[in-house]
Amino acid sequence: MEKVFEISKGKVNVKVTGDLDSEKTVIALIPGINGTIEYFDEITPLLQEKYTVVALDLLGQGKSTLSDDGKYNIDMQAWSMLEVIARLRITEKIMVFGYGIGGLIAMRMAELRDFAISKFVLLNTPANAKYADMDAHSSLASIPLLGKLAKSPVKSSLYFSKDFDTSKLKNQNVVNDAANTVNRKTDKKLGKIAEEYLEEKALNKRLRVVGLPTLAIFSDGDQILTEAGVKDAKATIGRVPHLVIKDLLGAGHVGMIEKPKEVCDMIVKFDDDTKDFDYTEVESIDDK
């Protein structure tokens, strides 16, 4: 089922794979900046074996509308995702998976409604403001080509590891197609939200406050977060309680597209390993 839900700040596009009335755990998939739910087409069939999968387009991207007031921040995006989860009448705790900036939105969802989130997975998510500006824009994007602008505002090759063969993907143009759903004015605004969020408080401090089981996956070939950004993130969050760090070898920024089985296996194992987590030890955010 794919449907657009009207919420307080606009309309959010959602794709549900599986039965929300089943006993399977719901896993919500949150894209990063310039991404869409199509980024999850490779991994969804694998996740569906154990989970009901709910993929959401952020406001300003994909098939979601622009925000009503034209303003964007991590807080607004997280609330929008939570509103849709409520509209779907999901009452049990959910897992949340976010890549890149989507991981920060997942983090904020847990901060806002920790009682609704059981655990979350971050893929190539920055930990400090210094590495939050993960720019993959093409230098050709604003150059007219035969009277037209370049086909995509981003350099799609940066999203993958350097030796990745995109011909094996269901949609070889998935990165460009997604980026083309975002207008330039909105893109500039979305590009600032991660830095603002992490300047206020770094990821490790946020994770410690929430206290939920967290899996942080980092690709060894991420050209957007970069090797330095990955090292910084690992060093920053490495000693956070209830957090596991895993390396994804041979993959770039969108590792769930390049290595869907490996990422799915990591998520399932993490979920199984934390199935007995004692949530009574986690204080409500409201009490902190």
Protein backbone atom coordinates (compact mmCIF):
# COMPACT_ATOMS: atom_id res chain seq x y z
CA MET A 1 0.00 0.00 0.00
CA GLU A 2 1.28 3.44 -0.91
CA LYS A 3 -0.67 6.42 0.34
CA VAL A 4 -0.25 10.13 1.09
CA PHE A 5 -1.33 11.23 4.57
CA GLU A 6 -2.19 14.80 5.48
CA ILE A 7 -0.46 15.92 8.66
CA SER A 8 -0.02 19.22 10.50
CA LYS A 9 2.85 20.50 8.32
CA GLY A 10 1.94 19.08 4.92
CA LYS A 11 1.38 15.69 3.30
CA VAL A 12 3.67 12.67 3.72
CA ASN A 13 3.95 9.79 1.29
CA VAL A 14 4.11 6.33 2.89
CA LYS A 15 4.61 2.84 1.50
CA VAL A 16 3.60 -0.12 3.66
CA THR A 17 4.90 -3.56 2.73
CA GLY A 18 3.22 -6.30 4.71
CA ASP A 19 0.26 -6.44 7.08
CA LEU A 20 0.08 -3.85 9.86
CA ASP A 21 -2.37 -6.13 11.70
CA SER A 22 0.08 -9.02 11.81
CA GLU A 23 2.26 -9.85 14.80
CA LYS A 24 5.41 -8.81 12.98
CA THR A 25 7.39 -5.89 14.36
CA VAL A 26 7.08 -2.70 12.33
CA ILE A 27 10.31 -1.18 11.03
CA ALA A 28 10.11 2.39 9.76
CA LEU A 29 12.59 3.41 7.06
CA ILE A 30 13.67 7.06 6.95
CA PRO A 31 15.64 8.41 3.95
CA GLY A 32 18.35 11.04 4.09
CA ILE A 33 18.50 14.38 2.28
CA ASN A 34 17.72 14.10 -1.44
CA GLY A 35 16.52 10.53 -0.91
CA THR A 36 13.13 8.87 -1.32
CA ILE A 37 11.43 5.63 -0.32
CA GLU A 38 12.74 4.09 -3.57
CA TYR A 39 16.14 3.92 -1.86
CA PHE A 40 14.70 1.02 0.15
CA ASP A 41 13.46 -1.07 -2.80
CA GLU A 42 16.49 -3.38 -2.63
CA ILE A 43 16.29 -4.13 1.10
CA THR A 44 12.51 -4.14 1.66
CA PRO A 45 11.88 -7.66 0.28
CA LEU A 46 14.53 -9.01 2.65
CA LEU A 47 13.24 -7.13 5.69
CA GLN A 48 9.68 -8.19 4.89
CA GLU A 49 10.51 -11.77 5.86
CA LYS A 50 10.59 -10.68 9.52
CA TYR A 51 9.05 -7.20 9.64
CA THR A 52 6.20 -5.11 8.38
CA VAL A 53 8.03 -2.37 6.51
CA VAL A 54 6.89 1.26 6.55
CA ALA A 55 8.93 3.56 4.29
CA LEU A 56 8.32 7.31 4.47
CA ASP A 57 9.25 10.27 2.25
CA LEU A 58 10.42 13.32 4.17
CA LEU A 59 8.56 16.58 3.67
CA GLY A 60 10.07 18.37 0.67
CA GLN A 61 11.22 15.13 -0.97
CA GLY A 62 9.84 12.26 -3.02
CA LYS A 63 6.06 12.22 -3.25
CA SER A 64 5.58 14.17 -0.02
CA THR A 65 4.63 17.82 -0.31
CA LEU A 66 6.65 20.83 0.73
CA SER A 67 6.18 21.90 4.32
CA ASP A 68 3.25 24.28 4.67
CA ASP A 69 5.37 27.14 6.00
CA GLY A 70 8.44 26.44 3.87
CA LYS A 71 10.58 25.82 6.96
CA TYR A 72 12.58 22.67 7.65
CA ASN A 73 14.43 21.26 10.63
CA ILE A 74 15.08 17.87 12.22
CA ASP A 75 12.35 18.43 14.80
CA MET A 76 9.66 19.09 12.18
CA GLN A 77 10.66 16.09 10.07
CA ALA A 78 10.65 13.79 13.11
CA TRP A 79 7.23 14.99 14.24
CA SER A 80 5.92 14.47 10.71
CA MET A 81 7.13 10.86 10.70
CA LEU A 82 5.60 10.24 14.11
CA GLU A 83 2.28 11.74 13.00
CA VAL A 84 2.10 9.30 10.11
CA ILE A 85 2.94 6.37 12.38
CA ALA A 86 0.00 7.44 14.55
CA ARG A 87 -2.26 7.79 11.51
CA LEU A 88 -1.41 4.20 10.58
CA ARG A 89 -2.70 3.20 14.03
CA ILE A 90 0.51 1.47 15.00
CA THR A 91 0.30 0.96 18.74
CA GLU A 92 3.27 -1.33 19.45
CA LYS A 93 6.83 -0.06 19.73
CA ILE A 94 8.58 0.16 16.37
CA MET A 95 12.13 -0.09 15.11
CA VAL A 96 13.40 2.87 13.11
CA PHE A 97 16.13 2.72 10.46
CA GLY A 98 17.63 5.87 9.01
CA TYR A 99 20.63 6.43 6.76
CA GLY A 100 22.69 9.62 6.64
CA ILE A 101 20.61 12.53 7.94
CA GLY A 102 17.68 10.12 8.17
CA GLY A 103 19.52 8.61 11.12
CA LEU A 104 19.35 11.95 12.92
CA ILE A 105 15.63 12.12 12.23
CA ALA A 106 15.29 8.62 13.69
CA MET A 107 17.24 9.86 16.71
CA ARG A 108 14.89 12.81 17.14
CA MET A 109 11.85 10.55 16.84
CA ALA A 110 13.18 8.62 19.82
CA GLU A 111 13.85 11.84 21.73
CA LEU A 112 10.32 13.08 21.12
CA ARG A 113 8.46 9.81 21.67
CA ASP A 114 10.77 7.32 23.33
CA PHE A 115 7.80 5.22 24.39
CA ALA A 116 6.93 4.59 20.72
CA ILE A 117 10.41 3.42 19.67
CA SER A 118 11.95 0.10 20.71
CA LYS A 119 15.37 0.47 19.08
CA PHE A 120 16.91 2.10 16.07
CA VAL A 121 19.50 1.59 13.37
CA LEU A 122 21.76 4.31 11.97
CA LEU A 123 23.65 3.91 8.69
CA ASN A 124 26.46 6.35 7.88
CA THR A 125 25.06 9.02 10.17
CA PRO A 126 27.30 11.93 11.29
CA ALA A 127 27.89 12.43 15.00
CA ASN A 128 29.13 16.03 15.03
CA ALA A 129 28.27 19.23 13.20
CA LYS A 130 31.71 19.30 11.55
CA TYR A 131 30.71 16.40 9.29
CA ALA A 132 27.00 17.17 8.97
CA ASP A 133 27.32 19.00 5.66
CA MET A 134 27.57 15.90 3.48
CA ASP A 135 27.59 17.67 0.13
CA ALA A 136 27.22 15.50 -2.99
CA HIS A 137 26.04 18.23 -5.33
CA SER A 138 27.26 18.19 -8.89
CA SER A 139 29.29 21.14 -10.13
CA LEU A 140 27.36 20.77 -13.39
CA ALA A 141 23.94 21.12 -11.80
CA SER A 142 23.65 24.83 -12.55
CA ILE A 143 25.36 24.78 -15.93
CA PRO A 144 23.00 24.92 -18.94
CA LEU A 145 23.45 21.98 -21.27
CA LEU A 146 21.98 22.65 -24.71
CA GLY A 147 19.52 25.06 -23.19
CA LYS A 148 18.62 22.80 -20.26
CA LEU A 149 19.99 22.30 -16.78
CA ALA A 150 21.98 19.21 -15.91
CA LYS A 151 19.80 16.14 -15.36
CA SER A 152 20.56 15.86 -11.66
CA PRO A 153 21.62 18.29 -8.91
CA VAL A 154 23.85 15.64 -7.31
CA LYS A 155 26.82 13.61 -8.40
CA SER A 156 25.27 10.16 -8.07
CA SER A 157 28.57 8.26 -8.16
CA LEU A 158 29.49 9.74 -4.76
CA TYR A 159 26.61 7.87 -3.13
CA PHE A 160 28.18 4.50 -3.94
CA SER A 161 31.56 2.95 -3.28
CA LYS A 162 34.02 3.75 -6.04
CA ASP A 163 33.91 0.30 -7.65
CA PHE A 164 30.17 -0.37 -7.32
CA ASP A 165 28.37 -1.52 -10.48
CA THR A 166 24.97 0.21 -10.59
CA SER A 167 23.83 -1.92 -13.56
CA LYS A 168 22.72 -4.64 -11.11
CA LEU A 169 20.21 -2.35 -9.38
CA LYS A 170 16.46 -2.48 -9.99
CA ASN A 171 16.66 1.22 -10.85
CA GLN A 172 20.10 2.37 -11.97
CA ASN A 173 18.96 6.01 -11.77
CA VAL A 174 17.53 5.81 -8.25
CA VAL A 175 19.84 8.53 -6.86
CA ASN A 176 19.23 10.99 -9.69
CA ASP A 177 15.48 10.29 -9.72
CA ALA A 178 15.26 10.99 -6.01
CA ALA A 179 17.34 14.17 -6.15
CA ASN A 180 15.16 15.53 -8.95
CA THR A 181 12.10 15.47 -6.66
CA VAL A 182 13.65 18.23 -4.51
CA ASN A 183 13.56 21.81 -5.73
CA ARG A 184 16.66 23.95 -5.27
CA LYS A 185 15.25 26.28 -2.64
CA THR A 186 14.10 23.36 -0.51
CA ASP A 187 17.37 21.52 -1.05
CA LYS A 188 19.33 24.43 0.42
CA LYS A 189 17.10 24.49 3.49
CA LEU A 190 17.26 20.73 4.00
CA GLY A 191 21.04 20.86 3.70
CA LYS A 192 21.30 22.93 6.88
CA ILE A 193 19.11 20.91 9.24
CA ALA A 194 21.70 18.33 10.34
CA GLU A 195 24.35 20.89 11.24
CA GLU A 196 21.85 22.92 13.28
CA TYR A 197 20.73 19.80 15.14
CA LEU A 198 24.23 18.58 15.98
CA GLU A 199 25.49 22.04 16.92
CA GLU A 200 22.83 22.08 19.61
CA LYS A 201 23.96 18.70 20.96
CA ALA A 202 26.24 16.01 19.54
CA LEU A 203 24.90 12.55 18.72
CA ASN A 204 26.63 10.74 21.59
CA LYS A 205 24.97 12.97 24.17
CA ARG A 206 21.57 12.43 22.57
CA LEU A 207 22.05 8.66 22.48
CA ARG A 208 23.01 8.58 26.15
CA VAL A 209 19.86 10.45 27.14
CA VAL A 210 17.55 8.18 25.14
CA GLY A 211 19.27 5.00 26.30
CA LEU A 212 17.68 2.69 23.72
CA PRO A 213 19.41 -0.19 21.92
CA THR A 214 21.15 1.25 18.87
CA LEU A 215 22.96 -0.28 15.92
CA ALA A 216 25.32 2.07 14.10
CA ILE A 217 26.56 0.80 10.73
CA PHE A 218 29.37 2.50 8.83
CA SER A 219 30.49 1.78 5.26
CA ASP A 220 34.19 1.61 4.50
CA GLY A 221 33.70 3.32 1.13
CA ASP A 222 31.43 6.22 2.11
CA GLN A 223 32.44 9.13 -0.13
CA ILE A 224 29.85 11.50 1.36
CA LEU A 225 30.33 11.15 5.11
CA THR A 226 33.98 10.48 4.15
CA GLU A 227 36.60 8.40 5.93
CA ALA A 228 37.26 11.25 8.35
CA GLY A 229 33.56 11.57 9.15
CA VAL A 230 33.26 7.85 9.78
CA LYS A 231 36.27 7.89 12.11
CA ASP A 232 34.86 10.89 13.96
CA ALA A 233 31.45 9.24 14.38
CA LYS A 234 32.92 5.98 15.67
CA ALA A 235 35.14 7.81 18.14
CA THR A 236 32.27 9.99 19.31
CA ILE A 237 29.61 7.34 19.90
CA GLY A 238 31.80 4.30 20.54
CA ARG A 239 31.37 4.28 24.32
CA VAL A 240 27.62 4.94 24.41
CA PRO A 241 25.78 2.24 26.42
CA HIS A 242 23.51 -0.19 24.54
CA LEU A 243 25.14 0.75 21.22
CA VAL A 244 26.75 -1.65 18.74
CA ILE A 245 28.97 -0.51 15.86
CA LYS A 246 29.30 -2.64 12.72
CA ASP A 247 31.40 -2.13 9.61
CA LEU A 248 29.84 -2.61 6.19
CA LEU A 249 32.61 -3.58 3.80
CA GLY A 250 32.59 -2.76 0.09
CA ALA A 251 29.79 -0.24 0.32
CA GLY A 252 29.29 3.52 0.12
CA HIS A 253 26.86 6.00 1.64
CA VAL A 254 23.74 4.12 0.50
CA GLY A 255 24.89 0.76 1.80
CA MET A 256 21.36 -0.64 2.01
CA ILE A 257 21.20 -0.31 -1.80
CA GLU A 258 24.63 -1.78 -2.47
CA LYS A 259 24.62 -4.50 0.20
CA PRO A 260 20.96 -5.09 1.12
CA LYS A 261 21.41 -8.64 2.42
CA GLU A 262 24.36 -7.72 4.61
CA VAL A 263 22.52 -4.74 6.09
CA CYS A 264 19.36 -6.78 6.62
CA ASP A 265 21.33 -9.54 8.35
CA MET A 266 22.94 -6.97 10.66
CA ILE A 267 19.54 -5.54 11.57
CA VAL A 268 17.99 -8.95 12.25
CA LYS A 269 20.92 -10.11 14.38
CA PHE A 270 20.91 -6.86 16.35
CA ASP A 271 17.16 -7.19 16.89
CA ASP A 272 17.51 -10.79 18.06
CA ASP A 273 20.44 -9.96 20.35
CA THR A 274 18.47 -7.17 22.05
CA LYS A 275 15.11 -8.93 22.29
CA ASP A 276 15.44 -9.23 26.07
CA PHE A 277 16.35 -5.58 26.63
CA ASP A 278 14.83 -4.29 29.87
CA TYR A 279 12.91 -1.14 28.93
CA THR A 280 11.98 -0.49 32.55
CA GLU A 281 15.55 0.73 33.02
CA VAL A 282 15.01 3.47 30.45
CA GLU A 283 13.72 6.64 32.00
CA SER A 284 11.07 8.50 30.08
CA ILE A 285 12.55 11.47 28.23
CA ASP A 286 9.90 13.60 29.92
CA ASP A 287 11.38 12.69 33.31
CA LYS A 288 14.92 13.71 32.41
